[in-house]
């Protein structure tokens, strides 16, 4: 009975670790920070179902925790507020996978100095 229980626990750790690694590879990445100054470019794209998606595209200079610059493209479903600070998650394979508005105090000093 003990051997079966140990085997099940090991299996749970292996499956859980694999799922976490897959998630980090596909959706994890480096955090970059940007401040919005202009309106986004209005976009319209036809989806596979035939409906039309409306959004806004942005191409902005963003800075990581060390203050290194990278120009990133990302989209939003609405026009973003001017002077808003955003934290972007950048993945090498997928580009920007996530963004969220943050307070100025949440931005690392080296990145904030460049903004």
C-alpha atoms as a PDB file:
ATOM      1  CA  UNK A   1       0.000   0.000   0.000  1.00  0.00           C
ATOM      2  CA  UNK A   2       2.842   2.385   0.867  1.00  0.00           C
ATOM      3  CA  UNK A   3       4.522   1.747  -2.486  1.00  0.00           C
ATOM      4  CA  UNK A   4       1.326   2.551  -4.374  1.00  0.00           C
ATOM      5  CA  UNK A   5       0.841   5.768  -2.406  1.00  0.00           C
ATOM      6  CA  UNK A   6       4.454   6.846  -3.027  1.00  0.00           C
ATOM      7  CA  UNK A   7       4.041   6.044  -6.721  1.00  0.00           C
ATOM      8  CA  UNK A   8       0.839   8.112  -6.948  1.00  0.00           C
ATOM      9  CA  UNK A   9       2.437  11.083  -5.167  1.00  0.00           C
ATOM     10  CA  UNK A  10       5.437  10.912  -7.535  1.00  0.00           C
ATOM     11  CA  UNK A  11       3.107  10.753 -10.533  1.00  0.00           C
ATOM     12  CA  UNK A  12       1.180  13.817  -9.317  1.00  0.00           C
ATOM     13  CA  UNK A  13       4.449  15.761  -8.949  1.00  0.00           C
ATOM     14  CA  UNK A  14       5.612  14.742 -12.430  1.00  0.00           C
ATOM     15  CA  UNK A  15       2.315  15.701 -14.076  1.00  0.00           C
ATOM     16  CA  UNK A  16       2.064  18.944 -12.101  1.00  0.00           C
ATOM     17  CA  UNK A  17       5.658  19.891 -12.889  1.00  0.00           C
ATOM     18  CA  UNK A  18       5.144  19.165 -16.579  1.00  0.00           C
ATOM     19  CA  UNK A  19       1.981  21.282 -16.708  1.00  0.00           C
ATOM     20  CA  UNK A  20       3.747  24.164 -14.948  1.00  0.00           C
ATOM     21  CA  UNK A  21       6.717  23.959 -17.361  1.00  0.00           C
ATOM     22  CA  UNK A  22       4.374  23.920 -20.365  1.00  0.00           C
ATOM     23  CA  UNK A  23       2.525  26.971 -19.035  1.00  0.00           C
ATOM     24  CA  UNK A  24       5.760  28.918 -18.390  1.00  0.00           C
ATOM     25  CA  UNK A  25       7.071  28.147 -21.889  1.00  0.00           C
ATOM     26  CA  UNK A  26       3.833  29.123 -23.636  1.00  0.00           C
ATOM     27  CA  UNK A  27       2.543  31.989 -21.506  1.00  0.00           C
ATOM     28  CA  UNK A  28       5.383  33.109 -19.244  1.00  0.00           C
ATOM     29  CA  UNK A  29       8.011  35.605 -20.227  1.00  0.00           C
ATOM     30  CA  UNK A  30       9.809  38.809 -19.391  1.00  0.00           C
ATOM     31  CA  UNK A  31       7.998  41.784 -17.899  1.00  0.00           C
ATOM     32  CA  UNK A  32       8.271  45.085 -19.753  1.00  0.00           C
ATOM     33  CA  UNK A  33       6.795  48.448 -18.800  1.00  0.00           C
ATOM     34  CA  UNK A  34       5.329  51.145 -21.016  1.00  0.00           C
ATOM     35  CA  UNK A  35       3.431  54.403 -20.654  1.00  0.00           C
ATOM     36  CA  UNK A  36       0.642  55.139 -23.130  1.00  0.00           C
ATOM     37  CA  UNK A  37       0.781  58.594 -24.736  1.00  0.00           C
ATOM     38  CA  UNK A  38      -1.241  58.165 -27.947  1.00  0.00           C
ATOM     39  CA  UNK A  39      -4.392  56.487 -29.182  1.00  0.00           C
ATOM     40  CA  UNK A  40      -4.006  53.019 -30.651  1.00  0.00           C
ATOM     41  CA  UNK A  41      -4.461  52.240 -34.330  1.00  0.00           C
ATOM     42  CA  UNK A  42      -8.032  51.070 -34.942  1.00  0.00           C
ATOM     43  CA  UNK A  43      -8.139  47.443 -36.117  1.00  0.00           C
ATOM     44  CA  UNK A  44     -10.794  45.234 -37.665  1.00  0.00           C
ATOM     45  CA  UNK A  45     -10.194  41.540 -38.206  1.00  0.00           C
ATOM     46  CA  UNK A  46     -12.515  38.849 -39.451  1.00  0.00           C
ATOM     47  CA  UNK A  47     -12.628  35.821 -37.132  1.00  0.00           C
ATOM     48  CA  UNK A  48     -12.945  32.192 -38.222  1.00  0.00           C
ATOM     49  CA  UNK A  49     -16.634  32.259 -37.315  1.00  0.00           C
ATOM     50  CA  UNK A  50     -17.183  35.150 -39.727  1.00  0.00           C
ATOM     51  CA  UNK A  51     -17.753  37.875 -37.145  1.00  0.00           C
ATOM     52  CA  UNK A  52     -15.625  41.003 -37.049  1.00  0.00           C
ATOM     53  CA  UNK A  53     -13.304  41.765 -34.120  1.00  0.00           C
ATOM     54  CA  UNK A  54     -12.703  45.444 -33.339  1.00  0.00           C
ATOM     55  CA  UNK A  55      -9.682  46.520 -31.334  1.00  0.00           C
ATOM     56  CA  UNK A  56      -6.732  48.853 -31.078  1.00  0.00           C
ATOM     57  CA  UNK A  57      -3.108  48.118 -31.946  1.00  0.00           C
ATOM     58  CA  UNK A  58      -0.110  49.637 -30.226  1.00  0.00           C
ATOM     59  CA  UNK A  59       3.602  49.663 -31.092  1.00  0.00           C
ATOM     60  CA  UNK A  60       5.499  51.143 -28.155  1.00  0.00           C
ATOM     61  CA  UNK A  61       8.998  51.277 -26.705  1.00  0.00           C
ATOM     62  CA  UNK A  62       8.968  49.273 -23.487  1.00  0.00           C
ATOM     63  CA  UNK A  63      11.603  48.698 -20.797  1.00  0.00           C
ATOM     64  CA  UNK A  64      12.380  45.638 -18.678  1.00  0.00           C
ATOM     65  CA  UNK A  65      13.469  45.571 -15.014  1.00  0.00           C
ATOM     66  CA  UNK A  66      17.067  46.387 -16.015  1.00  0.00           C
ATOM     67  CA  UNK A  67      15.993  49.351 -18.178  1.00  0.00           C
ATOM     68  CA  UNK A  68      16.693  47.611 -21.496  1.00  0.00           C
ATOM     69  CA  UNK A  69      14.520  48.835 -24.368  1.00  0.00           C
ATOM     70  CA  UNK A  70      12.446  46.714 -26.746  1.00  0.00           C
ATOM     71  CA  UNK A  71       9.754  47.848 -29.185  1.00  0.00           C
ATOM     72  CA  UNK A  72       6.655  45.712 -28.638  1.00  0.00           C
ATOM     73  CA  UNK A  73       3.390  45.282 -30.540  1.00  0.00           C
ATOM     74  CA  UNK A  74       0.213  44.499 -28.625  1.00  0.00           C
ATOM     75  CA  UNK A  75      -3.552  44.904 -28.930  1.00  0.00           C
ATOM     76  CA  UNK A  76      -6.406  45.933 -26.683  1.00  0.00           C
ATOM     77  CA  UNK A  77     -10.159  45.645 -27.042  1.00  0.00           C
ATOM     78  CA  UNK A  78     -10.552  49.345 -26.211  1.00  0.00           C
ATOM     79  CA  UNK A  79      -8.521  52.508 -26.630  1.00  0.00           C
ATOM     80  CA  UNK A  80      -6.191  52.724 -23.638  1.00  0.00           C
ATOM     81  CA  UNK A  81      -6.141  55.658 -21.244  1.00  0.00           C
ATOM     82  CA  UNK A  82      -3.470  58.252 -21.984  1.00  0.00           C
ATOM     83  CA  UNK A  83      -0.616  58.405 -19.433  1.00  0.00           C
ATOM     84  CA  UNK A  84      -1.502  54.918 -18.142  1.00  0.00           C
ATOM     85  CA  UNK A  85       1.379  52.671 -17.081  1.00  0.00           C
ATOM     86  CA  UNK A  86       1.229  49.081 -18.327  1.00  0.00           C
ATOM     87  CA  UNK A  87       3.100  45.915 -17.440  1.00  0.00           C
ATOM     88  CA  UNK A  88       3.452  43.700 -20.529  1.00  0.00           C
ATOM     89  CA  UNK A  89       4.434  40.023 -20.476  1.00  0.00           C
ATOM     90  CA  UNK A  90       6.618  39.300 -23.499  1.00  0.00           C
ATOM     91  CA  UNK A  91       7.207  35.730 -24.709  1.00  0.00           C
ATOM     92  CA  UNK A  92       9.890  35.097 -27.367  1.00  0.00           C
ATOM     93  CA  UNK A  93       7.657  32.717 -29.350  1.00  0.00           C
ATOM     94  CA  UNK A  94       4.291  34.452 -28.984  1.00  0.00           C
ATOM     95  CA  UNK A  95       5.093  38.142 -28.460  1.00  0.00           C
ATOM     96  CA  UNK A  96       3.037  40.002 -25.865  1.00  0.00           C
ATOM     97  CA  UNK A  97       0.782  37.456 -24.155  1.00  0.00           C
ATOM     98  CA  UNK A  98      -0.662  39.675 -21.438  1.00  0.00           C
ATOM     99  CA  UNK A  99      -0.843  43.273 -20.284  1.00  0.00           C
ATOM    100  CA  UNK A 100      -2.257  44.990 -17.240  1.00  0.00           C
ATOM    101  CA  UNK A 101      -2.409  48.565 -15.996  1.00  0.00           C
ATOM    102  CA  UNK A 102      -0.174  49.181 -12.975  1.00  0.00           C
ATOM    103  CA  UNK A 103       0.540  52.092 -10.677  1.00  0.00           C
ATOM    104  CA  UNK A 104       3.677  54.135 -11.188  1.00  0.00           C
ATOM    105  CA  UNK A 105       4.990  52.913  -7.819  1.00  0.00           C
ATOM    106  CA  UNK A 106       4.903  49.283  -9.050  1.00  0.00           C
ATOM    107  CA  UNK A 107       7.418  49.939 -11.847  1.00  0.00           C
ATOM    108  CA  UNK A 108      11.090  49.094 -11.185  1.00  0.00           C
ATOM    109  CA  UNK A 109      13.292  52.199 -10.892  1.00  0.00           C
ATOM    110  CA  UNK A 110      15.501  51.458 -13.915  1.00  0.00           C
ATOM    111  CA  UNK A 111      12.472  51.027 -16.181  1.00  0.00           C
ATOM    112  CA  UNK A 112      10.717  54.081 -14.714  1.00  0.00           C
ATOM    113  CA  UNK A 113      13.789  56.262 -15.343  1.00  0.00           C
ATOM    114  CA  UNK A 114      13.562  55.405 -19.071  1.00  0.00           C
ATOM    115  CA  UNK A 115       9.816  56.069 -19.281  1.00  0.00           C
END
